[in-house]
Amino acid sequence: VRDYAPVQVGVGELVKFRYEPSYLAGDPELRTGPEVADQFRDLGTCRHSAINLHGGNVVASEHTALVTDRVYRENPGLDRAELRE
């Protein structure tokens, strides 16, 4: 679930990133779309992001989140500074 579920970014705040990892390019039926966010509505408000991000590449602590550099490879059309923000 961690791979495709929304990521908590604050109290009652979630972000559902686009889940289209390159390793599933040949298996589109295994991708999970934005509809999965409905299953997490009891946790808070969920925003959607066009950034392609595998949730397993996010490690969060109380005030900080670390994201692996895979996010750059999965979003070649986006500027690195824009992705960091």
N, C-alpha and C. Protein backbone atom coordinates (compact mmCIF):
# COMPACT_ATOMS: atom_id res chain seq x y z
N VAL A 1 0.83 -1.19 0.00
CA VAL A 1 0.00 0.00 0.00
C VAL A 1 0.87 1.25 0.00
N ARG A 2 1.99 1.19 0.68
CA ARG A 2 2.86 2.37 0.79
C ARG A 2 3.28 2.91 -0.58
N ASP A 3 3.41 2.03 -1.56
CA ASP A 3 3.87 2.44 -2.88
C ASP A 3 2.90 3.40 -3.57
N TYR A 4 1.60 3.12 -3.49
CA TYR A 4 0.62 3.88 -4.26
C TYR A 4 -0.36 4.70 -3.41
N ALA A 5 -0.31 4.54 -2.10
CA ALA A 5 -1.24 5.27 -1.22
C ALA A 5 -0.85 6.74 -1.11
N PRO A 6 -1.78 7.58 -0.70
CA PRO A 6 -1.44 8.99 -0.46
C PRO A 6 -0.38 9.10 0.63
N VAL A 7 0.40 10.17 0.55
CA VAL A 7 1.46 10.44 1.53
C VAL A 7 0.95 11.52 2.48
N GLN A 8 1.08 11.28 3.79
CA GLN A 8 0.65 12.28 4.76
C GLN A 8 1.68 13.40 4.81
N VAL A 9 1.21 14.64 4.64
CA VAL A 9 2.10 15.80 4.63
C VAL A 9 1.83 16.75 5.80
N GLY A 10 0.84 16.44 6.58
CA GLY A 10 0.48 17.25 7.75
C GLY A 10 -0.69 16.59 8.46
N VAL A 11 -1.11 17.17 9.56
CA VAL A 11 -2.25 16.62 10.29
C VAL A 11 -3.50 16.76 9.42
N GLY A 12 -4.08 15.64 9.07
CA GLY A 12 -5.29 15.65 8.24
C GLY A 12 -5.05 16.07 6.80
N GLU A 13 -3.79 16.07 6.35
CA GLU A 13 -3.46 16.47 4.98
C GLU A 13 -2.70 15.35 4.28
N LEU A 14 -3.20 14.95 3.12
CA LEU A 14 -2.59 13.89 2.32
C LEU A 14 -2.37 14.39 0.90
N VAL A 15 -1.39 13.81 0.23
CA VAL A 15 -1.18 14.08 -1.19
C VAL A 15 -1.10 12.74 -1.90
N LYS A 16 -1.91 12.58 -2.95
CA LYS A 16 -1.88 11.38 -3.78
C LYS A 16 -1.06 11.72 -5.02
N PHE A 17 0.13 11.14 -5.09
CA PHE A 17 0.99 11.35 -6.25
C PHE A 17 0.60 10.38 -7.35
N ARG A 18 0.97 10.71 -8.56
CA ARG A 18 0.73 9.82 -9.70
C ARG A 18 1.61 8.59 -9.51
N TYR A 19 1.03 7.42 -9.67
CA TYR A 19 1.78 6.17 -9.48
C TYR A 19 1.90 5.46 -10.81
N GLU A 20 2.96 5.77 -11.53
CA GLU A 20 3.26 5.13 -12.81
C GLU A 20 4.75 4.83 -12.88
N PRO A 21 5.26 3.97 -11.98
CA PRO A 21 6.69 3.70 -11.97
C PRO A 21 7.15 3.06 -13.27
N SER A 22 8.35 3.39 -13.68
CA SER A 22 8.88 2.89 -14.96
C SER A 22 8.94 1.38 -15.00
N TYR A 23 9.12 0.73 -13.85
CA TYR A 23 9.19 -0.73 -13.86
C TYR A 23 7.84 -1.39 -14.14
N LEU A 24 6.74 -0.61 -14.15
CA LEU A 24 5.43 -1.14 -14.51
C LEU A 24 5.00 -0.72 -15.92
N ALA A 25 5.94 -0.20 -16.70
CA ALA A 25 5.60 0.29 -18.05
C ALA A 25 4.93 -0.79 -18.89
N GLY A 26 5.33 -2.02 -18.75
CA GLY A 26 4.75 -3.11 -19.52
C GLY A 26 3.54 -3.75 -18.86
N ASP A 27 3.16 -3.24 -17.69
CA ASP A 27 2.05 -3.81 -16.93
C ASP A 27 1.09 -2.72 -16.44
N PRO A 28 0.44 -2.02 -17.35
CA PRO A 28 -0.43 -0.90 -16.93
C PRO A 28 -1.56 -1.33 -16.01
N GLU A 29 -1.97 -2.59 -16.05
CA GLU A 29 -3.05 -3.05 -15.19
C GLU A 29 -2.62 -3.10 -13.71
N LEU A 30 -1.33 -3.04 -13.45
CA LEU A 30 -0.83 -3.05 -12.08
C LEU A 30 -0.69 -1.65 -11.49
N ARG A 31 -0.91 -0.63 -12.29
CA ARG A 31 -0.84 0.74 -11.79
C ARG A 31 -2.10 1.07 -11.02
N THR A 32 -1.98 1.92 -10.03
CA THR A 32 -3.11 2.32 -9.21
C THR A 32 -3.36 3.80 -9.45
N GLY A 33 -4.58 4.13 -9.78
CA GLY A 33 -4.93 5.51 -10.12
C GLY A 33 -5.38 6.33 -8.93
N PRO A 34 -5.85 7.54 -9.20
CA PRO A 34 -6.24 8.47 -8.14
C PRO A 34 -7.45 8.00 -7.32
N GLU A 35 -8.20 7.03 -7.84
CA GLU A 35 -9.39 6.56 -7.12
C GLU A 35 -9.06 5.92 -5.77
N VAL A 36 -7.83 5.47 -5.61
CA VAL A 36 -7.43 4.85 -4.34
C VAL A 36 -7.50 5.85 -3.18
N ALA A 37 -7.41 7.12 -3.47
CA ALA A 37 -7.44 8.14 -2.41
C ALA A 37 -8.76 8.10 -1.64
N ASP A 38 -9.83 7.67 -2.28
CA ASP A 38 -11.13 7.59 -1.60
C ASP A 38 -11.08 6.64 -0.40
N GLN A 39 -10.23 5.66 -0.45
CA GLN A 39 -10.13 4.68 0.64
C GLN A 39 -9.48 5.27 1.89
N PHE A 40 -8.87 6.44 1.74
CA PHE A 40 -8.16 7.07 2.85
C PHE A 40 -8.83 8.35 3.34
N ARG A 41 -10.06 8.58 2.92
CA ARG A 41 -10.75 9.85 3.24
C ARG A 41 -10.93 10.06 4.75
N ASP A 42 -10.98 9.00 5.54
CA ASP A 42 -11.12 9.16 6.99
C ASP A 42 -9.86 9.74 7.64
N LEU A 43 -8.75 9.74 6.91
CA LEU A 43 -7.49 10.26 7.45
C LEU A 43 -7.33 11.76 7.22
N GLY A 44 -8.15 12.33 6.33
CA GLY A 44 -8.04 13.76 6.09
C GLY A 44 -8.32 14.13 4.65
N THR A 45 -8.02 15.36 4.32
CA THR A 45 -8.22 15.90 2.99
C THR A 45 -7.07 15.47 2.08
N CYS A 46 -7.42 15.03 0.89
CA CYS A 46 -6.39 14.52 -0.03
C CYS A 46 -6.33 15.39 -1.28
N ARG A 47 -5.13 15.92 -1.53
CA ARG A 47 -4.87 16.65 -2.77
C ARG A 47 -4.21 15.69 -3.75
N HIS A 48 -4.31 16.00 -5.03
CA HIS A 48 -3.69 15.17 -6.06
C HIS A 48 -2.54 15.94 -6.71
N SER A 49 -1.48 15.22 -7.02
CA SER A 49 -0.31 15.82 -7.65
C SER A 49 0.01 15.07 -8.94
N ALA A 50 0.44 15.78 -9.95
CA ALA A 50 0.83 15.17 -11.23
C ALA A 50 2.24 14.58 -11.18
N ILE A 51 2.95 14.82 -10.09
CA ILE A 51 4.31 14.28 -9.95
C ILE A 51 4.24 12.76 -9.83
N ASN A 52 5.03 12.07 -10.63
CA ASN A 52 5.11 10.62 -10.58
C ASN A 52 6.04 10.23 -9.43
N LEU A 53 5.47 9.67 -8.36
CA LEU A 53 6.26 9.37 -7.17
C LEU A 53 5.79 8.06 -6.56
N HIS A 54 6.70 7.16 -6.40
CA HIS A 54 6.48 5.87 -5.75
C HIS A 54 6.60 6.12 -4.26
N GLY A 55 5.52 5.90 -3.50
CA GLY A 55 5.50 6.20 -2.08
C GLY A 55 6.58 5.50 -1.27
N GLY A 56 7.06 4.36 -1.77
CA GLY A 56 8.13 3.66 -1.09
C GLY A 56 9.44 4.41 -1.13
N ASN A 57 9.52 5.46 -1.96
CA ASN A 57 10.72 6.27 -2.06
C ASN A 57 10.66 7.50 -1.16
N VAL A 58 9.68 7.53 -0.26
CA VAL A 58 9.53 8.63 0.69
C VAL A 58 9.75 8.09 2.10
N VAL A 59 10.65 8.71 2.83
CA VAL A 59 10.87 8.37 4.23
C VAL A 59 10.58 9.62 5.03
N ALA A 60 9.61 9.52 5.93
CA ALA A 60 9.18 10.71 6.66
C ALA A 60 9.47 10.59 8.14
N SER A 61 9.72 11.76 8.73
CA SER A 61 9.81 11.86 10.19
C SER A 61 8.82 12.94 10.59
N GLU A 62 8.90 13.40 11.79
CA GLU A 62 7.91 14.35 12.29
C GLU A 62 7.85 15.65 11.49
N HIS A 63 9.00 16.20 11.09
CA HIS A 63 9.01 17.50 10.41
C HIS A 63 9.72 17.48 9.06
N THR A 64 10.20 16.34 8.65
CA THR A 64 11.01 16.26 7.44
C THR A 64 10.65 15.02 6.64
N ALA A 65 10.80 15.13 5.33
CA ALA A 65 10.64 13.96 4.47
C ALA A 65 11.84 13.88 3.54
N LEU A 66 12.32 12.69 3.34
CA LEU A 66 13.40 12.44 2.40
C LEU A 66 12.82 11.69 1.22
N VAL A 67 13.21 12.10 0.03
CA VAL A 67 12.74 11.46 -1.19
C VAL A 67 13.97 11.03 -1.97
N THR A 68 13.96 9.80 -2.45
CA THR A 68 15.11 9.32 -3.21
C THR A 68 15.21 10.05 -4.54
N ASP A 69 16.39 10.00 -5.15
CA ASP A 69 16.59 10.70 -6.42
C ASP A 69 15.87 10.03 -7.59
N ARG A 70 15.21 8.93 -7.34
CA ARG A 70 14.42 8.28 -8.39
C ARG A 70 13.33 9.22 -8.92
N VAL A 71 12.87 10.13 -8.09
CA VAL A 71 11.83 11.06 -8.51
C VAL A 71 12.28 11.86 -9.74
N TYR A 72 13.58 12.11 -9.87
CA TYR A 72 14.09 12.83 -11.05
C TYR A 72 13.98 11.96 -12.30
N ARG A 73 14.32 10.70 -12.18
CA ARG A 73 14.24 9.79 -13.34
C ARG A 73 12.80 9.53 -13.76
N GLU A 74 11.90 9.50 -12.80
CA GLU A 74 10.50 9.21 -13.11
C GLU A 74 9.75 10.45 -13.63
N ASN A 75 10.35 11.62 -13.55
CA ASN A 75 9.72 12.87 -14.00
C ASN A 75 10.70 13.67 -14.86
N PRO A 76 11.15 13.12 -15.96
CA PRO A 76 12.19 13.78 -16.76
C PRO A 76 11.77 15.14 -17.33
N GLY A 77 10.50 15.38 -17.46
CA GLY A 77 10.03 16.64 -18.03
C GLY A 77 9.90 17.77 -17.02
N LEU A 78 10.16 17.47 -15.75
CA LEU A 78 10.03 18.49 -14.72
C LEU A 78 11.40 18.94 -14.22
N ASP A 79 11.51 20.20 -13.94
CA ASP A 79 12.75 20.80 -13.43
C ASP A 79 13.02 20.28 -12.02
N ARG A 80 14.26 20.02 -11.70
CA ARG A 80 14.63 19.50 -10.38
C ARG A 80 14.22 20.43 -9.25
N ALA A 81 14.38 21.73 -9.44
CA ALA A 81 14.00 22.68 -8.39
C ALA A 81 12.49 22.63 -8.15
N GLU A 82 11.73 22.48 -9.21
CA GLU A 82 10.27 22.39 -9.10
C GLU A 82 9.87 21.12 -8.34
N LEU A 83 10.55 20.03 -8.61
CA LEU A 83 10.25 18.78 -7.91
C LEU A 83 10.59 18.89 -6.42
N ARG A 84 11.69 19.53 -6.11
CA ARG A 84 12.07 19.67 -4.70
C ARG A 84 11.05 20.51 -3.94
N GLU A 85 10.54 21.54 -4.57
CA GLU A 85 9.57 22.40 -3.89
C GLU A 85 8.28 21.65 -3.66
